[in-house]
Amino acid sequence: HPGDKRPRVAILAAERWVRGKATLDEVRAAA
């Protein structure tokens, strides 16, 4: 699925949450 970055964006959001740089709402939207 070239060009579909949604899974990558979800992973990045979760990683940001781990570091305290994203909210759970942001992670839930990406997920």
Full PDB file with SEQRES, HELIX, SHEET, SSBOND, CRYST1, ORIGX, SCALE, CONECT and MASTER records, all heavy atoms in Angstrom:
SEQRES   1 A   31  HIS PRO GLY ASP LYS ARG PRO ARG VAL ALA ILE LEU ALA          
SEQRES   2 A   31  ALA GLU ARG TRP VAL ARG GLY LYS ALA THR LEU ASP GLU          
SEQRES   3 A   31  VAL ARG ALA ALA ALA                                          
HELIX    1 AA1 ARG A    6  VAL A   18  1                                  13    
HELIX    2 AA2 LEU A   24  ALA A   30  1                                   7    
CRYST1    1.000    1.000    1.000  90.00  90.00  90.00 P 1           1          
ORIGX1      1.000000  0.000000  0.000000        0.00000                         
ORIGX2      0.000000  1.000000  0.000000        0.00000                         
ORIGX3      0.000000  0.000000  1.000000        0.00000                         
SCALE1      1.000000  0.000000  0.000000        0.00000                         
SCALE2      0.000000  1.000000  0.000000        0.00000                         
SCALE3      0.000000  0.000000  1.000000        0.00000                         
ATOM      1  N   HIS A   1       0.850  -1.196   0.000  1.00  0.00           N  
ATOM      2  CA  HIS A   1       0.000   0.000   0.000  1.00  0.00           C  
ATOM      3  C   HIS A   1       0.884   1.244   0.000  1.00  0.00           C  
ATOM      4  O   HIS A   1       0.892   2.008   0.981  1.00  0.00           O  
ATOM      5  CB  HIS A   1      -0.925  -0.003   1.220  1.00  0.00           C  
ATOM      6  CG  HIS A   1      -1.715  -1.257   1.349  1.00  0.00           C  
ATOM      7  ND1 HIS A   1      -2.841  -1.492   0.616  1.00  0.00           N  
ATOM      8  CD2 HIS A   1      -1.510  -2.366   2.098  1.00  0.00           C  
ATOM      9  CE1 HIS A   1      -3.309  -2.690   0.921  1.00  0.00           C  
ATOM     10  NE2 HIS A   1      -2.523  -3.241   1.813  1.00  0.00           N  
ATOM     11  N   PRO A   2       1.608   1.452  -1.094  1.00  0.00           N  
ATOM     12  CA  PRO A   2       2.514   2.612  -1.122  1.00  0.00           C  
ATOM     13  C   PRO A   2       1.742   3.913  -0.928  1.00  0.00           C  
ATOM     14  O   PRO A   2       0.653   4.092  -1.455  1.00  0.00           O  
ATOM     15  CB  PRO A   2       3.163   2.541  -2.503  1.00  0.00           C  
ATOM     16  CG  PRO A   2       2.403   1.521  -3.271  1.00  0.00           C  
ATOM     17  CD  PRO A   2       1.585   0.709  -2.327  1.00  0.00           C  
ATOM     18  N   GLY A   3       2.315   4.769  -0.140  1.00  0.00           N  
ATOM     19  CA  GLY A   3       1.693   6.062   0.103  1.00  0.00           C  
ATOM     20  C   GLY A   3       0.741   6.086   1.288  1.00  0.00           C  
ATOM     21  O   GLY A   3       0.386   7.161   1.767  1.00  0.00           O  
ATOM     22  N   ASP A   4       0.289   4.925   1.763  1.00  0.00           N  
ATOM     23  CA  ASP A   4      -0.614   4.896   2.911  1.00  0.00           C  
ATOM     24  C   ASP A   4       0.226   4.870   4.184  1.00  0.00           C  
ATOM     25  O   ASP A   4       0.810   3.856   4.535  1.00  0.00           O  
ATOM     26  CB  ASP A   4      -1.519   3.669   2.855  1.00  0.00           C  
ATOM     27  CG  ASP A   4      -2.588   3.684   3.943  1.00  0.00           C  
ATOM     28  OD1 ASP A   4      -2.529   4.561   4.840  1.00  0.00           O  
ATOM     29  OD2 ASP A   4      -3.474   2.819   3.912  1.00  0.00           O  
ATOM     30  N   LYS A   5       0.288   5.981   4.840  1.00  0.00           N  
ATOM     31  CA  LYS A   5       1.138   6.132   6.028  1.00  0.00           C  
ATOM     32  C   LYS A   5       0.353   6.023   7.333  1.00  0.00           C  
ATOM     33  O   LYS A   5       0.904   6.269   8.408  1.00  0.00           O  
ATOM     34  CB  LYS A   5       1.873   7.479   5.978  1.00  0.00           C  
ATOM     35  CG  LYS A   5       2.766   7.638   4.767  1.00  0.00           C  
ATOM     36  CD  LYS A   5       3.877   6.601   4.765  1.00  0.00           C  
ATOM     37  CE  LYS A   5       4.797   6.790   3.578  1.00  0.00           C  
ATOM     38  NZ  LYS A   5       5.646   5.648   3.352  1.00  0.00           N  
ATOM     39  N   ARG A   6      -0.928   5.668   7.272  1.00  0.00           N  
ATOM     40  CA  ARG A   6      -1.731   5.630   8.497  1.00  0.00           C  
ATOM     41  C   ARG A   6      -1.163   4.703   9.574  1.00  0.00           C  
ATOM     42  O   ARG A   6      -1.065   5.112  10.739  1.00  0.00           O  
ATOM     43  CB  ARG A   6      -3.186   5.274   8.176  1.00  0.00           C  
ATOM     44  CG  ARG A   6      -3.876   6.385   7.394  1.00  0.00           C  
ATOM     45  CD  ARG A   6      -5.266   6.008   6.976  1.00  0.00           C  
ATOM     46  NE  ARG A   6      -5.202   4.978   5.943  1.00  0.00           N  
ATOM     47  CZ  ARG A   6      -6.267   4.476   5.337  1.00  0.00           C  
ATOM     48  NH1 ARG A   6      -7.475   4.900   5.661  1.00  0.00           N  
ATOM     49  NH2 ARG A   6      -6.132   3.559   4.389  1.00  0.00           N  
ATOM     50  N   PRO A   7      -0.741   3.480   9.238  1.00  0.00           N  
ATOM     51  CA  PRO A   7      -0.142   2.647  10.291  1.00  0.00           C  
ATOM     52  C   PRO A   7       1.135   3.268  10.870  1.00  0.00           C  
ATOM     53  O   PRO A   7       1.338   3.257  12.090  1.00  0.00           O  
ATOM     54  CB  PRO A   7       0.150   1.321   9.582  1.00  0.00           C  
ATOM     55  CG  PRO A   7      -0.854   1.279   8.468  1.00  0.00           C  
ATOM     56  CD  PRO A   7      -0.966   2.710   8.008  1.00  0.00           C  
ATOM     57  N   ARG A   8       1.979   3.840  10.026  1.00  0.00           N  
ATOM     58  CA  ARG A   8       3.209   4.484  10.505  1.00  0.00           C  
ATOM     59  C   ARG A   8       2.872   5.666  11.419  1.00  0.00           C  
ATOM     60  O   ARG A   8       3.490   5.855  12.472  1.00  0.00           O  
ATOM     61  CB  ARG A   8       4.059   4.948   9.327  1.00  0.00           C  
ATOM     62  CG  ARG A   8       5.371   5.601   9.748  1.00  0.00           C  
ATOM     63  CD  ARG A   8       6.244   5.922   8.557  1.00  0.00           C  
ATOM     64  NE  ARG A   8       6.672   4.741   7.835  1.00  0.00           N  
ATOM     65  CZ  ARG A   8       7.716   3.975   8.198  1.00  0.00           C  
ATOM     66  NH1 ARG A   8       8.421   4.297   9.265  1.00  0.00           N  
ATOM     67  NH2 ARG A   8       8.043   2.923   7.486  1.00  0.00           N  
ATOM     68  N   VAL A   9       1.865   6.450  11.035  1.00  0.00           N  
ATOM     69  CA  VAL A   9       1.460   7.601  11.845  1.00  0.00           C  
ATOM     70  C   VAL A   9       0.947   7.130  13.213  1.00  0.00           C  
ATOM     71  O   VAL A   9       1.237   7.747  14.245  1.00  0.00           O  
ATOM     72  CB  VAL A   9       0.407   8.447  11.095  1.00  0.00           C  
ATOM     73  CG1 VAL A   9      -0.250   9.469  12.003  1.00  0.00           C  
ATOM     74  CG2 VAL A   9       1.051   9.122   9.888  1.00  0.00           C  
ATOM     75  N   ALA A  10       0.216   6.016  13.239  1.00  0.00           N  
ATOM     76  CA  ALA A  10      -0.295   5.486  14.507  1.00  0.00           C  
ATOM     77  C   ALA A  10       0.855   5.041  15.409  1.00  0.00           C  
ATOM     78  O   ALA A  10       0.847   5.315  16.621  1.00  0.00           O  
ATOM     79  CB  ALA A  10      -1.242   4.320  14.252  1.00  0.00           C  
ATOM     80  N   ILE A  11       1.831   4.382  14.832  1.00  0.00           N  
ATOM     81  CA  ILE A  11       2.986   3.949  15.618  1.00  0.00           C  
ATOM     82  C   ILE A  11       3.742   5.159  16.157  1.00  0.00           C  
ATOM     83  O   ILE A  11       4.104   5.204  17.339  1.00  0.00           O  
ATOM     84  CB  ILE A  11       3.907   3.035  14.786  1.00  0.00           C  
ATOM     85  CG1 ILE A  11       3.187   1.720  14.470  1.00  0.00           C  
ATOM     86  CG2 ILE A  11       5.220   2.769  15.506  1.00  0.00           C  
ATOM     87  CD1 ILE A  11       3.871   0.875  13.412  1.00  0.00           C  
ATOM     88  N   LEU A  12       3.958   6.140  15.299  1.00  0.00           N  
ATOM     89  CA  LEU A  12       4.669   7.351  15.738  1.00  0.00           C  
ATOM     90  C   LEU A  12       3.906   8.063  16.853  1.00  0.00           C  
ATOM     91  O   LEU A  12       4.512   8.547  17.818  1.00  0.00           O  
ATOM     92  CB  LEU A  12       4.889   8.293  14.555  1.00  0.00           C  
ATOM     93  CG  LEU A  12       5.917   7.818  13.523  1.00  0.00           C  
ATOM     94  CD1 LEU A  12       5.856   8.698  12.278  1.00  0.00           C  
ATOM     95  CD2 LEU A  12       7.308   7.809  14.119  1.00  0.00           C  
ATOM     96  N   ALA A  13       2.579   8.109  16.747  1.00  0.00           N  
ATOM     97  CA  ALA A  13       1.773   8.759  17.788  1.00  0.00           C  
ATOM     98  C   ALA A  13       1.906   8.004  19.110  1.00  0.00           C  
ATOM     99  O   ALA A  13       2.059   8.624  20.173  1.00  0.00           O  
ATOM    100  CB  ALA A  13       0.309   8.840  17.357  1.00  0.00           C  
ATOM    101  N   ALA A  14       1.859   6.688  19.053  1.00  0.00           N  
ATOM    102  CA  ALA A  14       2.000   5.897  20.276  1.00  0.00           C  
ATOM    103  C   ALA A  14       3.392   6.079  20.882  1.00  0.00           C  
ATOM    104  O   ALA A  14       3.533   6.198  22.107  1.00  0.00           O  
ATOM    105  CB  ALA A  14       1.735   4.423  19.976  1.00  0.00           C  
ATOM    106  N   GLU A  15       4.410   6.127  20.036  1.00  0.00           N  
ATOM    107  CA  GLU A  15       5.768   6.358  20.535  1.00  0.00           C  
ATOM    108  C   GLU A  15       5.900   7.745  21.165  1.00  0.00           C  
ATOM    109  O   GLU A  15       6.579   7.906  22.186  1.00  0.00           O  
ATOM    110  CB  GLU A  15       6.787   6.156  19.410  1.00  0.00           C  
ATOM    111  CG  GLU A  15       6.911   4.700  18.993  1.00  0.00           C  
ATOM    112  CD  GLU A  15       7.717   4.486  17.724  1.00  0.00           C  
ATOM    113  OE1 GLU A  15       7.856   5.439  16.912  1.00  0.00           O  
ATOM    114  OE2 GLU A  15       8.203   3.364  17.530  1.00  0.00           O  
ATOM    115  N   ARG A  16       5.229   8.732  20.586  1.00  0.00           N  
ATOM    116  CA  ARG A  16       5.246  10.076  21.178  1.00  0.00           C  
ATOM    117  C   ARG A  16       4.540  10.058  22.538  1.00  0.00           C  
ATOM    118  O   ARG A  16       4.976  10.716  23.486  1.00  0.00           O  
ATOM    119  CB  ARG A  16       4.597  11.095  20.236  1.00  0.00           C  
ATOM    120  CG  ARG A  16       5.492  11.508  19.095  1.00  0.00           C  
ATOM    121  CD  ARG A  16       5.012  12.757  18.358  1.00  0.00           C  
ATOM    122  NE  ARG A  16       3.594  12.804  18.083  1.00  0.00           N  
ATOM    123  CZ  ARG A  16       2.981  12.229  17.034  1.00  0.00           C  
ATOM    124  NH1 ARG A  16       3.670  11.580  16.137  1.00  0.00           N  
ATOM    125  NH2 ARG A  16       1.683  12.335  16.882  1.00  0.00           N  
ATOM    126  N   TRP A  17       3.445   9.294  22.640  1.00  0.00           N  
ATOM    127  CA  TRP A  17       2.728   9.187  23.913  1.00  0.00           C  
ATOM    128  C   TRP A  17       3.640   8.598  25.001  1.00  0.00           C  
ATOM    129  O   TRP A  17       3.665   9.090  26.132  1.00  0.00           O  
ATOM    130  CB  TRP A  17       1.461   8.343  23.747  1.00  0.00           C  
ATOM    131  CG  TRP A  17       0.741   8.143  25.046  1.00  0.00           C  
ATOM    132  CD1 TRP A  17      -0.091   9.022  25.667  1.00  0.00           C  
ATOM    133  CD2 TRP A  17       0.827   6.997  25.887  1.00  0.00           C  
ATOM    134  NE1 TRP A  17      -0.535   8.484  26.848  1.00  0.00           N  
ATOM    135  CE2 TRP A  17       0.008   7.250  27.009  1.00  0.00           C  
ATOM    136  CE3 TRP A  17       1.496   5.782  25.804  1.00  0.00           C  
ATOM    137  CZ2 TRP A  17      -0.149   6.326  28.038  1.00  0.00           C  
ATOM    138  CZ3 TRP A  17       1.351   4.863  26.833  1.00  0.00           C  
ATOM    139  CH2 TRP A  17       0.526   5.139  27.939  1.00  0.00           C  
ATOM    140  N   VAL A  18       4.395   7.577  24.627  1.00  0.00           N  
ATOM    141  CA  VAL A  18       5.321   6.959  25.583  1.00  0.00           C  
ATOM    142  C   VAL A  18       6.301   7.999  26.133  1.00  0.00           C  
ATOM    143  O   VAL A  18       6.633   8.004  27.309  1.00  0.00           O  
ATOM    144  CB  VAL A  18       6.075   5.770  24.941  1.00  0.00           C  
ATOM    145  CG1 VAL A  18       7.248   5.315  25.783  1.00  0.00           C  
ATOM    146  CG2 VAL A  18       5.121   4.613  24.673  1.00  0.00           C  
ATOM    147  N   ARG A  19       6.734   8.917  25.267  1.00  0.00           N  
ATOM    148  CA  ARG A  19       7.693   9.955  25.668  1.00  0.00           C  
ATOM    149  C   ARG A  19       7.006  11.182  26.280  1.00  0.00           C  
ATOM    150  O   ARG A  19       7.670  12.171  26.584  1.00  0.00           O  
ATOM    151  CB  ARG A  19       8.530  10.388  24.456  1.00  0.00           C  
ATOM    152  CG  ARG A  19       9.435   9.294  23.922  1.00  0.00           C  
ATOM    153  CD  ARG A  19      10.392   9.811  22.849  1.00  0.00           C  
ATOM    154  NE  ARG A  19       9.769  10.608  21.809  1.00  0.00           N  
ATOM    155  CZ  ARG A  19       9.252  10.125  20.679  1.00  0.00           C  
ATOM    156  NH1 ARG A  19       9.281   8.822  20.430  1.00  0.00           N  
ATOM    157  NH2 ARG A  19       8.716  10.939  19.782  1.00  0.00           N  
ATOM    158  N   GLY A  20       5.676  11.135  26.419  1.00  0.00           N  
ATOM    159  CA  GLY A  20       4.956  12.261  26.999  1.00  0.00           C  
ATOM    160  C   GLY A  20       4.735  13.406  26.029  1.00  0.00           C  
ATOM    161  O   GLY A  20       4.469  14.531  26.444  1.00  0.00           O  
ATOM    162  N   LYS A  21       4.810  13.132  24.723  1.00  0.00           N  
ATOM    163  CA  LYS A  21       4.709  14.183  23.706  1.00  0.00           C  
ATOM    164  C   LYS A  21       3.406  14.121  22.913  1.00  0.00           C  
ATOM    165  O   LYS A  21       3.233  14.848  21.953  1.00  0.00           O  
ATOM    166  CB  LYS A  21       5.881  14.071  22.718  1.00  0.00           C  
ATOM    167  CG  LYS A  21       7.243  14.092  23.358  1.00  0.00           C  
ATOM    168  CD  LYS A  21       7.626  15.475  23.771  1.00  0.00           C  
ATOM    169  CE  LYS A  21       9.048  15.479  24.302  1.00  0.00           C  
ATOM    170  NZ  LYS A  21       9.453  16.729  24.824  1.00  0.00           N  
ATOM    171  N   ALA A  22       2.483  13.242  23.291  1.00  0.00           N  
ATOM    172  CA  ALA A  22       1.189  13.145  22.599  1.00  0.00           C  
ATOM    173  C   ALA A  22       0.122  12.797  23.629  1.00  0.00           C  
ATOM    174  O   ALA A  22       0.407  12.168  24.650  1.00  0.00           O  
ATOM    175  CB  ALA A  22       1.231  12.083  21.502  1.00  0.00           C  
ATOM    176  N   THR A  23      -1.105  13.203  23.332  1.00  0.00           N  
ATOM    177  CA  THR A  23      -2.221  12.872  24.213  1.00  0.00           C  
ATOM    178  C   THR A  23      -2.826  11.536  23.796  1.00  0.00           C  
ATOM    179  O   THR A  23      -2.625  11.064  22.672  1.00  0.00           O  
ATOM    180  CB  THR A  23      -3.316  13.947  24.133  1.00  0.00           C  
ATOM    181  OG1 THR A  23      -3.900  13.902  22.819  1.00  0.00           O  
ATOM    182  CG2 THR A  23      -2.757  15.340  24.425  1.00  0.00           C  
ATOM    183  N   LEU A  24      -3.594  10.967  24.696  1.00  0.00           N  
ATOM    184  CA  LEU A  24      -4.288   9.724  24.347  1.00  0.00           C  
ATOM    185  C   LEU A  24      -5.289   9.951  23.223  1.00  0.00           C  
ATOM    186  O   LEU A  24      -5.493   9.071  22.393  1.00  0.00           O  
ATOM    187  CB  LEU A  24      -4.984   9.135  25.573  1.00  0.00           C  
ATOM    188  CG  LEU A  24      -4.089   8.354  26.522  1.00  0.00           C  
ATOM    189  CD1 LEU A  24      -4.876   7.872  27.731  1.00  0.00           C  
ATOM    190  CD2 LEU A  24      -3.431   7.187  25.822  1.00  0.00           C  
ATOM    191  N   ASP A  25      -5.895  11.130  23.173  1.00  0.00           N  
ATOM    192  CA  ASP A  25      -6.825  11.425  22.078  1.00  0.00           C  
ATOM    193  C   ASP A  25      -6.106  11.399  20.732  1.00  0.00           C  
ATOM    194  O   ASP A  25      -6.642  10.898  19.742  1.00  0.00           O  
ATOM    195  CB  ASP A  25      -7.504  12.781  22.284  1.00  0.00           C  
ATOM    196  CG  ASP A  25      -8.579  12.726  23.363  1.00  0.00           C  
ATOM    197  OD1 ASP A  25      -9.038  11.608  23.695  1.00  0.00           O  
ATOM    198  OD2 ASP A  25      -8.952  13.795  23.872  1.00  0.00           O  
ATOM    199  N   GLU A  26      -4.891  11.933  20.690  1.00  0.00           N  
ATOM    200  CA  GLU A  26      -4.108  11.896  19.443  1.00  0.00           C  
ATOM    201  C   GLU A  26      -3.776  10.452  19.054  1.00  0.00           C  
ATOM    202  O   GLU A  26      -3.875  10.089  17.881  1.00  0.00           O  
ATOM    203  CB  GLU A  26      -2.817  12.708  19.602  1.00  0.00           C  
ATOM    204  CG  GLU A  26      -3.059  14.202  19.705  1.00  0.00           C  
ATOM    205  CD  GLU A  26      -1.821  14.973  20.119  1.00  0.00           C  
ATOM    206  OE1 GLU A  26      -1.040  14.490  20.971  1.00  0.00           O  
ATOM    207  OE2 GLU A  26      -1.643  16.077  19.578  1.00  0.00           O  
ATOM    208  N   VAL A  27      -3.419   9.667  20.046  1.00  0.00           N  
ATOM    209  CA  VAL A  27      -3.090   8.266  19.774  1.00  0.00           C  
ATOM    210  C   VAL A  27      -4.338   7.519  19.305  1.00  0.00           C  
ATOM    211  O   VAL A  27      -4.284   6.744  18.339  1.00  0.00           O  
ATOM    212  CB  VAL A  27      -2.484   7.595  21.025  1.00  0.00           C  
ATOM    213  CG1 VAL A  27      -2.302   6.105  20.809  1.00  0.00           C  
ATOM    214  CG2 VAL A  27      -1.161   8.254  21.381  1.00  0.00           C  
ATOM    215  N   ARG A  28      -5.458   7.762  19.947  1.00  0.00           N  
ATOM    216  CA  ARG A  28      -6.704   7.077  19.558  1.00  0.00           C  
ATOM    217  C   ARG A  28      -7.122   7.439  18.132  1.00  0.00           C  
ATOM    218  O   ARG A  28      -7.564   6.581  17.369  1.00  0.00           O  
ATOM    219  CB  ARG A  28      -7.812   7.423  20.543  1.00  0.00           C  
ATOM    220  CG  ARG A  28      -7.637   6.737  21.878  1.00  0.00           C  
ATOM    221  CD  ARG A  28      -8.789   7.060  22.827  1.00  0.00           C  
ATOM    222  NE  ARG A  28      -8.534   6.452  24.117  1.00  0.00           N  
ATOM    223  CZ  ARG A  28      -8.432   7.120  25.254  1.00  0.00           C  
ATOM    224  NH1 ARG A  28      -8.601   8.430  25.278  1.00  0.00           N  
ATOM    225  NH2 ARG A  28      -8.198   6.495  26.373  1.00  0.00           N  
ATOM    226  N   ALA A  29      -6.971   8.696  17.759  1.00  0.00           N  
ATOM    227  CA  ALA A  29      -7.324   9.121  16.395  1.00  0.00           C  
ATOM    228  C   ALA A  29      -6.419   8.436  15.372  1.00  0.00           C  
ATOM    229  O   ALA A  29      -6.889   7.942  14.342  1.00  0.00           O  
ATOM    230  CB  ALA A  29      -7.225  10.644  16.263  1.00  0.00           C  
ATOM    231  N   ALA A  30      -5.130   8.386  15.659  1.00  0.00           N  
ATOM    232  CA  ALA A  30      -4.197   7.723  14.744  1.00  0.00           C  
ATOM    233  C   ALA A  30      -4.477   6.231  14.687  1.00  0.00           C  
ATOM    234  O   ALA A  30      -4.416   5.615  13.612  1.00  0.00           O  
ATOM    235  CB  ALA A  30      -2.759   7.990  15.185  1.00  0.00           C  
ATOM    236  N   ALA A  31      -4.803   5.638  15.826  1.00  0.00           N  
ATOM    237  CA  ALA A  31      -5.106   4.200  15.852  1.00  0.00           C  
ATOM    238  C   ALA A  31      -6.365   3.890  15.055  1.00  0.00           C  
ATOM    239  O   ALA A  31      -6.431   2.884  14.344  1.00  0.00           O  
ATOM    240  CB  ALA A  31      -5.251   3.728  17.292  1.00  0.00           C  
TER     241      ALA A  31                                                      
MASTER        0    0    0    2    0    0    0    6  240    1    0    3          
END                                                                             
